[in-house]
Amino acid sequence: MSQPKHSGTDPELRQAEPTGFDLRRLARRLRLRLYHVFFLVRRPMTLGVRMLAFDRDGRVFLVRHTYVSGWHLPGGGVEPGETVLQAVEKELFEEGNLTLVEAPRLAGIYLNRGASRRDHVVLYHCALVAQERAKQADREIAEAGFFDVDALPEGTTPATRKRLAELNGSEASPYW
């Protein structure tokens, strides 16, 4: 006896077709690209700060943004009229409720070719920061926390790993 033929409209018999297309990921990438285009028009050269921020236990602070994948060092853009050190303090507080206990030390200046040919990142080593209270998720930060350098979370970006290695004596790159 032969099996009955199905039209493919029976929901129990249909299988989800893998699309290979992630609309949310595309939207995040598009939003990030538009952000950079906006700043390219507004400011031909972009300048940002990132921080290697450590607590008393020697753990590094990392953030996972809502608009780009991976775990990153905290940081952000330097606004017009703002000094780089003011941006460091602002971004530490905004992204992690962190305050400086010791003065930050300049660790490097990089060209971020992944963003544009005009994006520069100033990296500071913040050997000791304090956190008044844990950072709660918001529109920009999905997660944040301190991590042992030898046990970074899955998805930690290559640039973050490179900066930590450079801090520990690896050869420094001029590129983010």
N, C-alpha and C. Protein backbone atom coordinates (compact mmCIF):
# COMPACT_ATOMS: atom_id res chain seq x y z
N MET A 1 0.85 -1.17 0.00
CA MET A 1 0.00 0.00 0.00
C MET A 1 0.89 1.23 0.00
N SER A 2 0.59 2.21 -0.82
CA SER A 2 1.42 3.41 -0.93
C SER A 2 1.03 4.44 0.11
N GLN A 3 2.02 5.27 0.47
CA GLN A 3 1.80 6.34 1.44
C GLN A 3 1.03 7.47 0.78
N PRO A 4 0.10 8.12 1.52
CA PRO A 4 -0.62 9.25 0.93
C PRO A 4 0.33 10.42 0.71
N LYS A 5 0.08 11.15 -0.32
CA LYS A 5 0.89 12.34 -0.62
C LYS A 5 0.34 13.51 0.17
N HIS A 6 1.26 14.35 0.63
CA HIS A 6 0.87 15.54 1.39
C HIS A 6 1.20 16.78 0.59
N SER A 7 0.35 17.77 0.75
CA SER A 7 0.54 19.00 0.00
C SER A 7 1.63 19.89 0.57
N GLY A 8 2.08 19.56 1.79
CA GLY A 8 3.10 20.41 2.43
C GLY A 8 2.49 21.54 3.23
N THR A 9 1.17 21.56 3.30
CA THR A 9 0.53 22.62 4.07
C THR A 9 0.16 22.16 5.46
N ASP A 10 0.29 20.88 5.74
CA ASP A 10 0.00 20.37 7.07
C ASP A 10 1.08 20.86 8.03
N PRO A 11 0.71 21.65 9.05
CA PRO A 11 1.73 22.24 9.93
C PRO A 11 2.55 21.20 10.67
N GLU A 12 1.99 20.03 10.94
CA GLU A 12 2.75 19.00 11.65
C GLU A 12 3.83 18.39 10.77
N LEU A 13 3.63 18.41 9.47
CA LEU A 13 4.59 17.80 8.56
C LEU A 13 5.63 18.78 8.03
N ARG A 14 5.32 20.07 8.12
CA ARG A 14 6.28 21.08 7.64
C ARG A 14 7.45 21.18 8.59
N GLN A 15 8.61 21.37 8.03
CA GLN A 15 9.79 21.62 8.85
C GLN A 15 10.21 23.06 8.64
N ALA A 16 10.73 23.64 9.71
CA ALA A 16 11.22 25.01 9.59
C ALA A 16 12.40 25.02 8.63
N GLU A 17 12.32 25.88 7.67
CA GLU A 17 13.41 25.99 6.71
C GLU A 17 14.49 26.89 7.28
N PRO A 18 15.73 26.40 7.33
CA PRO A 18 16.80 27.27 7.82
C PRO A 18 17.02 28.41 6.83
N THR A 19 16.97 29.61 7.33
CA THR A 19 17.11 30.76 6.45
C THR A 19 18.55 31.21 6.33
N GLY A 20 19.35 30.98 7.40
CA GLY A 20 20.71 31.46 7.38
C GLY A 20 20.77 32.98 7.46
N PHE A 21 19.65 33.59 7.72
CA PHE A 21 19.53 35.04 7.72
C PHE A 21 19.02 35.48 9.08
N ASP A 22 19.80 36.25 9.79
CA ASP A 22 19.42 36.72 11.12
C ASP A 22 19.11 38.21 11.02
N LEU A 23 17.84 38.53 11.03
CA LEU A 23 17.38 39.91 10.88
C LEU A 23 17.89 40.80 12.00
N ARG A 24 17.92 40.29 13.23
CA ARG A 24 18.41 41.10 14.35
C ARG A 24 19.88 41.45 14.18
N ARG A 25 20.67 40.48 13.73
CA ARG A 25 22.09 40.74 13.52
C ARG A 25 22.29 41.77 12.42
N LEU A 26 21.52 41.65 11.35
CA LEU A 26 21.60 42.62 10.26
C LEU A 26 21.21 44.01 10.76
N ALA A 27 20.16 44.09 11.56
CA ALA A 27 19.72 45.38 12.10
C ALA A 27 20.81 45.99 12.99
N ARG A 28 21.47 45.18 13.81
CA ARG A 28 22.55 45.69 14.67
C ARG A 28 23.70 46.21 13.82
N ARG A 29 24.08 45.45 12.78
CA ARG A 29 25.18 45.87 11.92
C ARG A 29 24.82 47.15 11.16
N LEU A 30 23.59 47.23 10.69
CA LEU A 30 23.14 48.42 9.97
C LEU A 30 23.13 49.63 10.90
N ARG A 31 22.64 49.44 12.12
CA ARG A 31 22.60 50.54 13.10
C ARG A 31 24.01 51.02 13.40
N LEU A 32 24.96 50.09 13.58
CA LEU A 32 26.34 50.46 13.85
C LEU A 32 26.94 51.20 12.66
N ARG A 33 26.69 50.73 11.44
CA ARG A 33 27.20 51.38 10.23
C ARG A 33 26.62 52.79 10.11
N LEU A 34 25.31 52.94 10.34
CA LEU A 34 24.68 54.26 10.27
C LEU A 34 25.27 55.20 11.32
N TYR A 35 25.54 54.66 12.49
CA TYR A 35 26.16 55.44 13.56
C TYR A 35 27.50 55.99 13.08
N HIS A 36 28.31 55.14 12.45
CA HIS A 36 29.61 55.60 11.98
C HIS A 36 29.48 56.58 10.81
N VAL A 37 28.52 56.37 9.93
CA VAL A 37 28.30 57.31 8.82
C VAL A 37 27.88 58.66 9.38
N PHE A 38 26.99 58.65 10.36
CA PHE A 38 26.54 59.89 10.98
C PHE A 38 27.74 60.66 11.54
N PHE A 39 28.62 59.97 12.27
CA PHE A 39 29.76 60.65 12.85
C PHE A 39 30.80 61.02 11.80
N LEU A 40 30.88 60.28 10.70
CA LEU A 40 31.79 60.65 9.62
C LEU A 40 31.38 61.99 9.03
N VAL A 41 30.07 62.19 8.87
CA VAL A 41 29.57 63.45 8.33
C VAL A 41 29.73 64.56 9.37
N ARG A 42 29.39 64.24 10.61
CA ARG A 42 29.42 65.24 11.66
C ARG A 42 30.85 65.58 12.11
N ARG A 43 31.67 64.56 12.22
CA ARG A 43 33.06 64.72 12.63
C ARG A 43 33.92 63.85 11.72
N PRO A 44 34.67 64.43 10.83
CA PRO A 44 35.43 63.62 9.87
C PRO A 44 36.37 62.60 10.51
N MET A 45 36.90 62.91 11.68
CA MET A 45 37.71 61.93 12.39
C MET A 45 37.01 61.63 13.70
N THR A 46 36.85 60.35 14.01
CA THR A 46 36.21 59.99 15.27
C THR A 46 37.28 59.58 16.27
N LEU A 47 37.02 59.89 17.51
CA LEU A 47 37.93 59.58 18.59
C LEU A 47 37.14 58.95 19.72
N GLY A 48 37.62 57.82 20.16
CA GLY A 48 36.96 57.12 21.26
C GLY A 48 37.95 56.71 22.31
N VAL A 49 37.42 56.30 23.44
CA VAL A 49 38.25 55.79 24.53
C VAL A 49 37.78 54.39 24.89
N ARG A 50 38.70 53.60 25.33
CA ARG A 50 38.42 52.27 25.89
C ARG A 50 39.29 52.14 27.12
N MET A 51 38.82 51.33 28.06
CA MET A 51 39.55 51.19 29.30
C MET A 51 39.76 49.73 29.67
N LEU A 52 40.99 49.44 30.07
CA LEU A 52 41.32 48.18 30.73
C LEU A 52 41.13 48.49 32.21
N ALA A 53 39.95 48.19 32.74
CA ALA A 53 39.58 48.58 34.10
C ALA A 53 39.57 47.34 35.00
N PHE A 54 40.32 47.41 36.09
CA PHE A 54 40.48 46.27 36.99
C PHE A 54 40.00 46.59 38.40
N ASP A 55 39.46 45.56 39.05
CA ASP A 55 39.03 45.73 40.46
C ASP A 55 40.16 45.28 41.39
N ARG A 56 39.91 45.30 42.68
CA ARG A 56 40.93 44.94 43.68
C ARG A 56 41.41 43.50 43.55
N ASP A 57 40.58 42.64 42.94
CA ASP A 57 40.95 41.23 42.77
C ASP A 57 41.67 40.97 41.45
N GLY A 58 41.98 42.04 40.70
CA GLY A 58 42.69 41.89 39.43
C GLY A 58 41.81 41.42 38.29
N ARG A 59 40.49 41.49 38.46
CA ARG A 59 39.57 41.10 37.40
C ARG A 59 39.30 42.28 36.48
N VAL A 60 39.13 42.00 35.20
CA VAL A 60 38.89 43.05 34.20
C VAL A 60 37.38 43.22 34.01
N PHE A 61 36.98 44.46 33.80
CA PHE A 61 35.57 44.77 33.59
C PHE A 61 35.26 44.74 32.10
N LEU A 62 34.22 44.00 31.72
CA LEU A 62 33.80 43.90 30.32
C LEU A 62 32.31 44.18 30.19
N VAL A 63 31.92 44.63 29.01
CA VAL A 63 30.51 44.90 28.73
C VAL A 63 30.09 44.17 27.46
N ARG A 64 28.81 43.82 27.44
CA ARG A 64 28.21 43.27 26.22
C ARG A 64 27.11 44.24 25.83
N HIS A 65 27.27 44.87 24.67
CA HIS A 65 26.33 45.89 24.20
C HIS A 65 25.08 45.26 23.60
N THR A 66 24.04 46.07 23.48
CA THR A 66 22.80 45.62 22.85
C THR A 66 22.87 45.72 21.33
N TYR A 67 23.80 46.49 20.81
CA TYR A 67 23.82 46.80 19.38
C TYR A 67 24.97 46.17 18.60
N VAL A 68 25.85 45.45 19.28
CA VAL A 68 26.96 44.77 18.60
C VAL A 68 27.30 43.53 19.43
N SER A 69 27.70 42.46 18.77
CA SER A 69 27.94 41.21 19.48
C SER A 69 29.31 41.21 20.16
N GLY A 70 29.44 40.37 21.15
CA GLY A 70 30.71 40.16 21.84
C GLY A 70 30.85 40.94 23.13
N TRP A 71 31.85 40.54 23.89
CA TRP A 71 32.23 41.22 25.14
C TRP A 71 33.38 42.17 24.82
N HIS A 72 33.25 43.41 25.27
CA HIS A 72 34.19 44.48 24.95
C HIS A 72 34.70 45.16 26.21
N LEU A 73 35.81 45.85 26.05
CA LEU A 73 36.26 46.77 27.09
C LEU A 73 35.28 47.93 27.11
N PRO A 74 35.01 48.50 28.28
CA PRO A 74 34.10 49.65 28.31
C PRO A 74 34.72 50.84 27.58
N GLY A 75 33.86 51.69 27.05
CA GLY A 75 34.35 52.87 26.34
C GLY A 75 33.29 53.52 25.50
N GLY A 76 33.69 54.57 24.81
CA GLY A 76 32.76 55.29 23.96
C GLY A 76 33.44 56.49 23.32
N GLY A 77 32.65 57.29 22.66
CA GLY A 77 33.17 58.43 21.94
C GLY A 77 33.53 59.60 22.84
N VAL A 78 34.51 60.37 22.38
CA VAL A 78 34.88 61.62 23.04
C VAL A 78 34.05 62.71 22.38
N GLU A 79 33.26 63.38 23.17
CA GLU A 79 32.36 64.41 22.65
C GLU A 79 33.09 65.73 22.44
N PRO A 80 32.60 66.58 21.54
CA PRO A 80 33.20 67.91 21.35
C PRO A 80 33.24 68.67 22.68
N GLY A 81 34.37 69.28 22.97
CA GLY A 81 34.53 70.04 24.21
C GLY A 81 34.88 69.19 25.42
N GLU A 82 35.00 67.89 25.23
CA GLU A 82 35.29 66.97 26.33
C GLU A 82 36.73 66.50 26.21
N THR A 83 37.45 66.42 27.32
CA THR A 83 38.80 65.87 27.27
C THR A 83 38.71 64.34 27.25
N VAL A 84 39.81 63.72 26.85
CA VAL A 84 39.84 62.26 26.82
C VAL A 84 39.64 61.70 28.23
N LEU A 85 40.26 62.31 29.22
CA LEU A 85 40.10 61.82 30.60
C LEU A 85 38.67 62.02 31.11
N GLN A 86 38.01 63.09 30.71
CA GLN A 86 36.60 63.26 31.07
C GLN A 86 35.76 62.15 30.43
N ALA A 87 36.08 61.80 29.19
CA ALA A 87 35.37 60.72 28.52
C ALA A 87 35.60 59.38 29.23
N VAL A 88 36.82 59.15 29.70
CA VAL A 88 37.13 57.92 30.44
C VAL A 88 36.23 57.83 31.68
N GLU A 89 36.20 58.89 32.46
CA GLU A 89 35.38 58.88 33.69
C GLU A 89 33.90 58.72 33.37
N LYS A 90 33.42 59.42 32.34
CA LYS A 90 32.01 59.36 31.96
C LYS A 90 31.64 57.95 31.52
N GLU A 91 32.44 57.36 30.64
CA GLU A 91 32.12 56.03 30.10
C GLU A 91 32.22 54.95 31.17
N LEU A 92 33.19 55.04 32.06
CA LEU A 92 33.27 54.06 33.15
C LEU A 92 32.00 54.10 33.99
N PHE A 93 31.54 55.30 34.29
CA PHE A 93 30.34 55.42 35.11
C PHE A 93 29.10 54.96 34.35
N GLU A 94 28.95 55.41 33.10
CA GLU A 94 27.76 55.06 32.33
C GLU A 94 27.65 53.57 32.04
N GLU A 95 28.77 52.93 31.75
CA GLU A 95 28.73 51.54 31.33
C GLU A 95 28.91 50.54 32.47
N GLY A 96 29.33 51.03 33.65
CA GLY A 96 29.55 50.07 34.72
C GLY A 96 29.35 50.56 36.14
N ASN A 97 28.89 51.82 36.31
CA ASN A 97 28.81 52.40 37.65
C ASN A 97 30.18 52.35 38.33
N LEU A 98 31.22 52.59 37.53
CA LEU A 98 32.60 52.52 38.02
C LEU A 98 33.17 53.92 38.25
N THR A 99 34.01 54.02 39.26
CA THR A 99 34.77 55.25 39.52
C THR A 99 36.24 54.89 39.63
N LEU A 100 37.08 55.83 39.26
CA LEU A 100 38.53 55.63 39.34
C LEU A 100 39.00 55.74 40.78
N VAL A 101 39.80 54.78 41.22
CA VAL A 101 40.43 54.85 42.53
C VAL A 101 41.86 55.37 42.36
N GLU A 102 42.47 54.96 41.26
CA GLU A 102 43.81 55.43 40.89
C GLU A 102 43.72 56.12 39.54
N ALA A 103 44.62 57.06 39.30
CA ALA A 103 44.65 57.76 38.01
C ALA A 103 44.91 56.77 36.88
N PRO A 104 44.20 56.92 35.76
CA PRO A 104 44.44 56.02 34.63
C PRO A 104 45.76 56.34 33.95
N ARG A 105 46.33 55.32 33.30
CA ARG A 105 47.60 55.46 32.60
C ARG A 105 47.36 55.16 31.12
N LEU A 106 47.86 56.03 30.25
CA LEU A 106 47.73 55.83 28.81
C LEU A 106 48.42 54.52 28.42
N ALA A 107 47.67 53.65 27.74
CA ALA A 107 48.21 52.35 27.34
C ALA A 107 48.49 52.27 25.85
N GLY A 108 47.80 53.10 25.04
CA GLY A 108 48.04 53.06 23.61
C GLY A 108 47.01 53.86 22.84
N ILE A 109 47.36 54.16 21.59
CA ILE A 109 46.45 54.83 20.66
C ILE A 109 46.43 53.99 19.40
N TYR A 110 45.22 53.69 18.93
CA TYR A 110 45.05 52.73 17.84
C TYR A 110 44.18 53.30 16.74
N LEU A 111 44.40 52.81 15.54
CA LEU A 111 43.52 53.08 14.41
C LEU A 111 42.56 51.90 14.33
N ASN A 112 41.27 52.19 14.36
CA ASN A 112 40.24 51.15 14.29
C ASN A 112 39.77 51.02 12.85
N ARG A 113 40.49 50.24 12.06
CA ARG A 113 40.15 50.07 10.64
C ARG A 113 38.83 49.33 10.45
N GLY A 114 38.38 48.61 11.46
CA GLY A 114 37.12 47.89 11.36
C GLY A 114 35.93 48.82 11.31
N ALA A 115 36.06 50.00 11.87
CA ALA A 115 34.97 50.98 11.88
C ALA A 115 35.06 51.89 10.66
N SER A 116 36.21 52.49 10.46
CA SER A 116 36.44 53.36 9.30
C SER A 116 37.93 53.68 9.24
N ARG A 117 38.34 54.38 8.22
CA ARG A 117 39.75 54.78 8.11
C ARG A 117 40.06 55.98 8.99
N ARG A 118 39.05 56.51 9.67
CA ARG A 118 39.22 57.73 10.45
C ARG A 118 38.91 57.56 11.94
N ASP A 119 38.73 56.32 12.38
CA ASP A 119 38.35 56.07 13.77
C ASP A 119 39.57 55.72 14.60
N HIS A 120 39.78 56.47 15.67
CA HIS A 120 40.91 56.25 16.55
C HIS A 120 40.43 55.95 17.96
N VAL A 121 41.15 55.05 18.63
CA VAL A 121 40.81 54.64 19.98
C VAL A 121 41.99 54.93 20.89
N VAL A 122 41.72 55.64 21.98
CA VAL A 122 42.73 55.90 23.00
C VAL A 122 42.44 54.92 24.14
N LEU A 123 43.41 54.08 24.47
CA LEU A 123 43.24 53.05 25.48
C LEU A 123 43.93 53.46 26.77
N TYR A 124 43.20 53.36 27.86
CA TYR A 124 43.75 53.66 29.18
C TYR A 124 43.74 52.42 30.05
N HIS A 125 44.80 52.28 30.84
CA HIS A 125 44.88 51.23 31.84
C HIS A 125 44.42 51.84 33.16
N CYS A 126 43.32 51.35 33.66
CA CYS A 126 42.77 51.80 34.94
C CYS A 126 43.02 50.67 35.94
N ALA A 127 44.15 50.74 36.61
CA ALA A 127 44.61 49.65 37.47
C ALA A 127 43.66 49.37 38.62
N LEU A 128 42.90 50.38 39.05
CA LEU A 128 41.99 50.15 40.15
C LEU A 128 40.75 51.03 40.02
N VAL A 129 39.62 50.37 39.86
CA VAL A 129 38.33 51.04 39.83
C VAL A 129 37.45 50.45 40.93
N ALA A 130 36.45 51.21 41.32
CA ALA A 130 35.49 50.73 42.31
C ALA A 130 34.10 50.78 41.70
N GLN A 131 33.27 49.84 42.10
CA GLN A 131 31.90 49.79 41.60
C GLN A 131 30.95 49.94 42.78
N GLU A 132 30.18 51.04 42.75
CA GLU A 132 29.24 51.31 43.83
C GLU A 132 28.13 50.26 43.87
N ARG A 133 27.61 49.92 42.70
CA ARG A 133 26.57 48.89 42.59
C ARG A 133 26.69 48.26 41.21
N ALA A 134 26.22 47.03 41.09
CA ALA A 134 26.30 46.31 39.81
C ALA A 134 25.53 47.06 38.73
N LYS A 135 26.03 46.99 37.53
CA LYS A 135 25.38 47.63 36.39
C LYS A 135 24.16 46.80 35.97
N GLN A 136 23.02 47.45 35.88
CA GLN A 136 21.80 46.80 35.41
C GLN A 136 21.69 46.99 33.90
N ALA A 137 21.08 46.03 33.24
CA ALA A 137 20.90 46.13 31.79
C ALA A 137 20.07 47.36 31.45
N ASP A 138 20.40 47.99 30.32
CA ASP A 138 19.65 49.14 29.83
C ASP A 138 19.64 49.10 28.31
N ARG A 139 19.32 50.21 27.67
CA ARG A 139 19.22 50.24 26.20
C ARG A 139 20.56 50.01 25.51
N GLU A 140 21.65 50.36 26.17
CA GLU A 140 22.97 50.24 25.57
C GLU A 140 23.73 48.99 26.03
N ILE A 141 23.64 48.68 27.32
CA ILE A 141 24.42 47.59 27.90
C ILE A 141 23.49 46.42 28.25
N ALA A 142 23.73 45.28 27.60
CA ALA A 142 22.94 44.08 27.88
C ALA A 142 23.44 43.39 29.14
N GLU A 143 24.76 43.33 29.31
CA GLU A 143 25.39 42.70 30.47
C GLU A 143 26.72 43.39 30.73
N ALA A 144 27.16 43.30 31.98
CA ALA A 144 28.46 43.86 32.34
C ALA A 144 28.94 43.14 33.59
N GLY A 145 30.26 43.05 33.73
CA GLY A 145 30.79 42.43 34.92
C GLY A 145 32.30 42.32 34.90
N PHE A 146 32.82 41.89 36.04
CA PHE A 146 34.25 41.66 36.20
C PHE A 146 34.55 40.19 35.93
N PHE A 147 35.67 39.94 35.24
CA PHE A 147 36.05 38.58 34.87
C PHE A 147 37.54 38.36 35.13
N ASP A 148 37.88 37.14 35.56
CA ASP A 148 39.29 36.78 35.67
C ASP A 148 39.89 36.81 34.27
N VAL A 149 41.07 37.36 34.15
CA VAL A 149 41.72 37.49 32.85
C VAL A 149 41.95 36.12 32.22
N ASP A 150 42.12 35.10 33.03
CA ASP A 150 42.33 33.74 32.52
C ASP A 150 41.02 32.99 32.26
N ALA A 151 39.89 33.64 32.51
CA ALA A 151 38.59 32.99 32.31
C ALA A 151 37.60 34.00 31.72
N LEU A 152 37.96 34.55 30.56
CA LEU A 152 37.11 35.54 29.91
C LEU A 152 35.86 34.86 29.36
N PRO A 153 34.75 35.58 29.30
CA PRO A 153 33.52 34.96 28.80
C PRO A 153 33.61 34.62 27.32
N GLU A 154 32.84 33.61 26.93
CA GLU A 154 32.76 33.24 25.51
C GLU A 154 32.25 34.45 24.74
N GLY A 155 32.86 34.71 23.61
CA GLY A 155 32.46 35.85 22.80
C GLY A 155 33.27 37.11 23.07
N THR A 156 34.29 37.00 23.93
CA THR A 156 35.17 38.15 24.15
C THR A 156 35.85 38.47 22.82
N THR A 157 35.81 39.72 22.41
CA THR A 157 36.29 40.10 21.09
C THR A 157 37.81 39.92 20.97
N PRO A 158 38.28 39.66 19.75
CA PRO A 158 39.73 39.55 19.53
C PRO A 158 40.48 40.81 19.96
N ALA A 159 39.91 41.99 19.69
CA ALA A 159 40.59 43.23 20.09
C ALA A 159 40.75 43.30 21.61
N THR A 160 39.74 42.88 22.34
CA THR A 160 39.82 42.88 23.80
C THR A 160 40.93 41.93 24.26
N ARG A 161 40.95 40.75 23.68
CA ARG A 161 42.00 39.78 24.05
C ARG A 161 43.40 40.30 23.71
N LYS A 162 43.53 40.97 22.56
CA LYS A 162 44.83 41.52 22.15
C LYS A 162 45.29 42.60 23.12
N ARG A 163 44.37 43.48 23.54
CA ARG A 163 44.75 44.56 24.44
C ARG A 163 45.20 43.99 25.79
N LEU A 164 44.54 42.96 26.26
CA LEU A 164 44.95 42.34 27.53
C LEU A 164 46.32 41.68 27.37
N ALA A 165 46.57 41.04 26.24
CA ALA A 165 47.87 40.42 25.99
C ALA A 165 48.97 41.48 25.91
N GLU A 166 48.67 42.61 25.27
CA GLU A 166 49.65 43.69 25.17
C GLU A 166 49.99 44.23 26.56
N LEU A 167 48.99 44.31 27.41
CA LEU A 167 49.22 44.79 28.77
C LEU A 167 50.18 43.85 29.51
N ASN A 168 50.15 42.59 29.13
CA ASN A 168 51.01 41.59 29.77
C ASN A 168 52.30 41.34 29.00
N GLY A 169 52.67 42.25 28.08
CA GLY A 169 53.97 42.17 27.44
C GLY A 169 54.00 41.73 26.00
N SER A 170 52.86 41.35 25.42
CA SER A 170 52.86 40.99 23.99
C SER A 170 53.15 42.22 23.15
N GLU A 171 53.67 41.99 21.94
CA GLU A 171 53.98 43.10 21.05
C GLU A 171 52.70 43.88 20.71
N ALA A 172 52.77 45.19 20.83
CA ALA A 172 51.62 46.05 20.60
C ALA A 172 51.40 46.26 19.10
N SER A 173 50.14 46.35 18.72
CA SER A 173 49.77 46.64 17.35
C SER A 173 49.30 48.09 17.25
N PRO A 174 49.47 48.75 16.12
CA PRO A 174 48.92 50.09 15.98
C PRO A 174 47.44 50.07 15.61
N TYR A 175 46.90 48.89 15.37
CA TYR A 175 45.52 48.74 14.93
C TYR A 175 44.67 48.10 16.00
N TRP A 176 43.47 48.62 16.13
CA TRP A 176 42.54 48.07 17.12
C TRP A 176 42.13 46.68 16.72
